[in-house]
N, C-alpha and C. Protein backbone atom coordinates (compact mmCIF):
# COMPACT_ATOMS: atom_id res chain seq x y z
N MET A 1 0.81 -1.10 -0.04
CA MET A 1 -0.11 0.00 -0.13
C MET A 1 0.87 1.23 -0.03
N ILE A 2 0.65 2.26 -0.73
CA ILE A 2 1.28 3.60 -0.69
C ILE A 2 0.25 4.84 -0.22
N ASP A 3 0.74 5.40 0.72
CA ASP A 3 -0.10 6.58 1.26
C ASP A 3 0.76 7.85 0.75
N LEU A 4 -0.10 8.83 0.54
CA LEU A 4 0.68 10.19 0.04
C LEU A 4 -0.02 11.06 1.02
N LYS A 5 0.59 11.91 1.83
CA LYS A 5 0.09 12.73 2.82
C LYS A 5 0.72 14.27 2.59
N PRO A 6 -0.15 15.29 2.52
CA PRO A 6 0.22 16.55 2.71
C PRO A 6 0.85 16.58 4.17
N ILE A 7 1.93 17.31 4.14
CA ILE A 7 2.58 17.73 5.62
C ILE A 7 2.85 19.24 5.60
N ASN A 8 2.60 19.77 6.79
CA ASN A 8 2.67 21.38 6.96
C ASN A 8 3.93 21.34 7.81
N ILE A 9 4.90 21.94 7.34
CA ILE A 9 6.35 22.08 8.21
C ILE A 9 6.32 23.57 8.74
N ASP A 10 5.51 24.61 8.25
CA ASP A 10 5.14 25.57 9.07
C ASP A 10 4.02 26.31 8.73
N GLU A 11 3.49 27.47 8.86
CA GLU A 11 2.08 28.03 8.66
C GLU A 11 1.74 28.11 7.21
N LYS A 12 2.77 28.25 6.13
CA LYS A 12 2.73 28.44 5.05
C LYS A 12 3.24 27.30 3.79
N THR A 13 3.77 26.47 4.48
CA THR A 13 4.67 25.55 3.58
C THR A 13 4.31 24.01 3.99
N THR A 14 3.56 23.60 2.73
CA THR A 14 3.32 21.94 2.68
C THR A 14 4.10 21.50 1.73
N VAL A 15 4.55 20.26 2.31
CA VAL A 15 5.45 19.20 1.53
C VAL A 15 4.71 17.92 1.12
N LEU A 16 5.14 16.96 0.61
CA LEU A 16 4.35 15.95 0.39
C LEU A 16 5.21 14.55 0.95
N GLY A 17 4.43 13.78 1.95
CA GLY A 17 4.86 12.70 2.46
C GLY A 17 4.32 11.47 1.91
N VAL A 18 5.24 10.30 1.62
CA VAL A 18 5.06 9.08 0.72
C VAL A 18 5.52 7.77 1.93
N GLU A 19 4.61 7.26 1.99
CA GLU A 19 4.85 6.10 2.78
C GLU A 19 4.43 4.73 2.05
N VAL A 20 5.48 3.88 1.82
CA VAL A 20 5.36 2.57 1.01
C VAL A 20 5.48 1.58 1.75
N LYS A 21 4.44 0.81 2.19
CA LYS A 21 4.31 -0.29 3.18
C LYS A 21 4.69 -1.63 2.45
N LEU A 22 5.82 -2.20 2.75
CA LEU A 22 6.18 -3.46 2.02
C LEU A 22 6.17 -4.47 3.28
N PRO A 23 6.70 -5.74 2.70
CA PRO A 23 6.76 -6.88 3.82
C PRO A 23 7.71 -6.32 4.62
N LYS A 24 7.75 -6.62 6.07
CA LYS A 24 8.48 -6.08 7.19
C LYS A 24 9.26 -4.98 7.17
N THR A 25 8.84 -3.93 6.34
CA THR A 25 9.40 -2.63 6.32
C THR A 25 8.33 -1.58 5.66
N THR A 26 8.91 -0.15 6.05
CA THR A 26 8.04 0.84 5.46
C THR A 26 9.14 1.70 5.11
N LEU A 27 8.85 2.23 3.56
CA LEU A 27 9.84 3.13 3.11
C LEU A 27 9.00 4.49 3.27
N LEU A 28 9.84 5.47 3.71
CA LEU A 28 9.31 6.84 4.22
C LEU A 28 10.17 7.94 3.35
N ALA A 29 9.57 8.98 2.67
CA ALA A 29 10.19 9.76 1.98
C ALA A 29 9.07 11.00 2.41
N ILE A 30 9.84 12.43 2.41
CA ILE A 30 9.14 13.81 2.23
C ILE A 30 9.97 14.48 1.18
N THR A 31 9.06 14.91 0.40
CA THR A 31 9.56 15.69 -1.13
C THR A 31 9.08 16.98 -1.10
N THR A 32 10.08 17.86 -1.82
CA THR A 32 9.78 19.20 -2.09
C THR A 32 9.85 19.05 -3.82
N ASP A 33 9.95 20.44 -4.21
CA ASP A 33 10.14 20.28 -5.78
C ASP A 33 11.52 20.11 -6.34
N ILE A 34 12.62 20.27 -5.43
CA ILE A 34 14.00 20.12 -5.68
C ILE A 34 14.68 19.03 -5.05
N GLY A 35 14.14 18.45 -3.96
CA GLY A 35 14.85 17.39 -2.98
C GLY A 35 13.86 16.59 -2.26
N TYR A 36 14.53 15.72 -1.39
CA TYR A 36 13.81 15.04 -0.52
C TYR A 36 14.52 14.47 0.72
N ILE A 37 13.98 14.19 1.72
CA ILE A 37 14.58 13.36 2.96
C ILE A 37 13.92 12.13 2.78
N MET A 38 14.64 10.86 3.44
CA MET A 38 14.22 9.69 3.27
C MET A 38 14.63 8.80 4.57
N CYS A 39 13.81 7.88 4.85
CA CYS A 39 14.55 6.82 5.88
C CYS A 39 15.74 6.02 5.42
N GLY A 40 16.21 5.17 6.24
CA GLY A 40 17.69 4.60 6.02
C GLY A 40 17.54 3.76 4.89
N ALA A 41 16.61 3.49 4.17
CA ALA A 41 16.89 2.90 2.86
C ALA A 41 17.40 3.39 1.78
N LEU A 42 17.65 5.04 1.87
CA LEU A 42 18.17 5.77 0.86
C LEU A 42 19.55 5.52 1.00
N ASP A 43 20.17 5.17 -0.20
CA ASP A 43 21.68 5.00 -0.52
C ASP A 43 22.42 6.19 -0.89
N VAL A 44 22.79 7.08 -0.02
CA VAL A 44 23.58 8.30 -0.17
C VAL A 44 24.93 8.11 -1.16
N GLY A 45 25.44 7.32 -0.48
CA GLY A 45 26.80 6.88 -1.36
C GLY A 45 26.56 6.64 -2.87
N LEU A 46 25.49 6.09 -3.15
CA LEU A 46 25.22 5.73 -4.54
C LEU A 46 24.92 6.91 -5.17
N LEU A 47 24.08 7.74 -4.79
CA LEU A 47 23.84 9.33 -5.16
C LEU A 47 24.94 10.08 -5.58
N ASN A 48 25.85 10.12 -4.39
CA ASN A 48 27.03 11.04 -4.55
C ASN A 48 27.98 10.37 -5.47
N ASP A 49 28.14 9.09 -5.54
CA ASP A 49 29.30 8.44 -6.53
C ASP A 49 28.69 8.00 -7.84
N ARG A 50 27.82 7.26 -7.98
CA ARG A 50 27.27 6.66 -9.31
C ARG A 50 26.51 7.62 -10.17
N LEU A 51 25.51 8.29 -9.22
CA LEU A 51 24.61 9.28 -9.98
C LEU A 51 24.81 10.66 -9.59
N SER A 52 26.24 10.76 -9.59
CA SER A 52 26.65 12.31 -9.10
C SER A 52 26.31 13.28 -10.25
N SER A 53 26.21 12.97 -11.53
CA SER A 53 25.87 13.91 -12.56
C SER A 53 24.55 14.47 -12.49
N ARG A 54 23.67 13.56 -11.52
CA ARG A 54 22.33 14.03 -11.62
C ARG A 54 22.02 15.20 -10.29
N ARG A 55 23.03 15.26 -9.94
CA ARG A 55 23.17 16.54 -8.63
C ARG A 55 21.68 16.35 -7.55
N ILE A 56 21.52 15.18 -7.19
CA ILE A 56 20.44 14.88 -6.39
C ILE A 56 20.63 15.58 -4.98
N ILE A 57 19.46 16.31 -4.51
CA ILE A 57 19.53 16.81 -3.24
C ILE A 57 18.45 15.97 -2.36
N ALA A 58 19.26 15.41 -1.46
CA ALA A 58 18.43 14.32 -0.41
C ALA A 58 19.36 14.19 0.63
N GLY A 59 18.63 14.00 1.92
CA GLY A 59 19.22 13.31 3.03
C GLY A 59 18.67 12.20 3.71
N ARG A 60 19.25 11.49 4.40
CA ARG A 60 19.02 10.11 5.11
C ARG A 60 18.78 10.27 6.62
N ALA A 61 17.75 9.91 6.97
CA ALA A 61 17.65 9.59 8.57
C ALA A 61 17.34 8.21 8.99
N VAL A 62 18.16 7.71 9.80
CA VAL A 62 17.96 6.34 10.15
C VAL A 62 17.12 5.98 11.60
N GLY A 63 16.67 5.07 11.64
CA GLY A 63 15.75 4.50 12.80
C GLY A 63 14.56 5.14 12.78
N VAL A 64 13.99 5.69 11.75
CA VAL A 64 12.54 6.37 11.82
C VAL A 64 11.46 5.40 11.50
N LYS A 65 10.28 5.65 11.90
CA LYS A 65 9.43 4.57 11.70
C LYS A 65 7.98 5.35 11.14
N THR A 66 8.04 6.59 11.20
CA THR A 66 6.94 7.27 10.79
C THR A 66 7.29 8.88 10.20
N LEU A 67 6.66 9.29 9.27
CA LEU A 67 6.88 10.63 8.58
C LEU A 67 7.15 11.64 9.79
N GLU A 68 6.21 11.71 10.71
CA GLU A 68 6.52 12.45 12.03
C GLU A 68 8.09 12.59 12.52
N GLU A 69 8.32 11.35 12.62
CA GLU A 69 9.93 11.00 12.94
C GLU A 69 10.68 11.21 12.00
N LEU A 70 10.46 11.24 11.00
CA LEU A 70 11.56 11.52 9.90
C LEU A 70 11.57 13.17 9.95
N LEU A 71 10.71 14.13 10.35
CA LEU A 71 10.75 15.52 10.14
C LEU A 71 11.62 15.73 11.30
N VAL A 72 11.68 15.08 12.42
CA VAL A 72 12.26 15.66 13.65
C VAL A 72 13.56 14.97 13.89
N ALA A 73 13.78 13.91 13.29
CA ALA A 73 15.29 13.08 13.28
C ALA A 73 16.34 13.84 12.67
N PRO A 74 17.39 13.75 13.33
CA PRO A 74 18.85 14.11 12.34
C PRO A 74 19.08 13.44 11.58
N LEU A 75 19.74 14.23 10.40
CA LEU A 75 20.03 13.60 9.11
C LEU A 75 21.32 12.97 9.35
N GLU A 76 21.45 11.66 9.20
CA GLU A 76 22.70 10.81 9.25
C GLU A 76 23.61 11.34 8.10
N SER A 77 23.16 11.20 6.85
CA SER A 77 24.05 11.66 5.86
C SER A 77 23.06 12.49 4.78
N VAL A 78 23.84 13.22 4.12
CA VAL A 78 23.42 14.18 2.98
C VAL A 78 24.27 14.07 1.83
N THR A 79 23.57 14.47 0.49
CA THR A 79 24.42 14.43 -0.71
C THR A 79 25.05 15.68 -0.71
N HIS A 80 26.10 15.33 -1.70
CA HIS A 80 27.20 16.85 -1.97
C HIS A 80 26.18 17.79 -2.39
N THR A 81 25.20 17.74 -3.12
CA THR A 81 24.26 18.70 -3.75
C THR A 81 23.70 19.43 -2.78
N ALA A 82 23.07 18.42 -1.49
CA ALA A 82 22.30 19.15 -0.67
C ALA A 82 23.35 19.81 0.51
N ARG A 83 24.56 19.53 0.49
CA ARG A 83 25.46 20.29 1.21
C ARG A 83 25.80 21.56 0.58
N ASP A 84 25.79 21.73 -0.59
CA ASP A 84 25.65 23.02 -1.36
C ASP A 84 24.87 24.03 -0.90
N LEU A 85 23.57 23.49 -0.48
CA LEU A 85 22.53 24.38 -0.23
C LEU A 85 22.44 24.55 1.41
N GLY A 86 23.51 24.18 2.25
CA GLY A 86 23.80 24.24 3.55
C GLY A 86 22.86 23.21 4.31
N ILE A 87 22.65 22.32 3.79
CA ILE A 87 22.07 21.05 4.49
C ILE A 87 23.11 20.11 4.82
N THR A 88 23.23 20.01 6.23
CA THR A 88 24.19 19.26 6.96
C THR A 88 23.72 18.07 7.71
N GLU A 89 24.78 17.02 7.98
CA GLU A 89 24.52 16.05 8.87
C GLU A 89 24.13 16.47 10.48
N GLY A 90 23.02 15.97 11.00
CA GLY A 90 22.63 16.32 12.15
C GLY A 90 21.63 17.55 12.21
N MET A 91 21.14 18.05 11.10
CA MET A 91 20.23 18.86 10.69
C MET A 91 18.82 18.05 11.00
N THR A 92 17.83 18.59 11.42
CA THR A 92 16.62 17.99 11.22
C THR A 92 15.89 17.68 9.86
N GLY A 93 15.09 16.81 9.87
CA GLY A 93 14.52 16.63 8.52
C GLY A 93 13.68 17.94 8.16
N SER A 94 12.91 18.62 9.16
CA SER A 94 12.17 19.68 8.77
C SER A 94 12.98 20.96 8.41
N ASP A 95 14.09 21.05 8.99
CA ASP A 95 15.09 22.09 8.72
C ASP A 95 15.68 21.72 7.37
N ALA A 96 16.14 20.74 6.98
CA ALA A 96 16.41 20.34 5.55
C ALA A 96 15.55 20.67 4.40
N LEU A 97 14.40 20.29 4.72
CA LEU A 97 13.30 20.65 3.86
C LEU A 97 12.99 22.11 3.76
N LEU A 98 13.10 23.00 4.79
CA LEU A 98 12.81 24.45 4.75
C LEU A 98 13.98 24.91 3.94
N ARG A 99 15.17 24.47 4.08
CA ARG A 99 16.31 25.03 3.29
C ARG A 99 16.01 24.56 1.53
N MET A 100 15.66 23.36 1.60
CA MET A 100 15.07 22.99 -0.11
C MET A 100 14.21 23.72 -0.70
N LEU A 101 13.30 24.68 0.08
CA LEU A 101 12.13 25.64 -0.20
C LEU A 101 12.75 26.99 -0.54
N ARG A 102 13.91 27.17 0.08
CA ARG A 102 14.16 28.67 -0.03
C ARG A 102 14.37 29.17 -1.79
């Protein structure tokens, strides 16, 4: 099952949350028009190395089980292109999304 949920991260900003329920796991992502944050299933190394030409803006948080947790969890890793926007490891998911929206 796939659930799409609008998520308000401040009074005027709504982003899209995606939950993909799979056997024994749930994939979580929250996306903006230019980038996204995701649960531990995201392979940031792959995005930085083999897909670097795509300049993907993304961050990964581990140990999250809900979209709400993904918003408040510190990012464990980010892509090089996300770093160019000022998104860093340790930043909360919601702070990273707000930087993507600037």
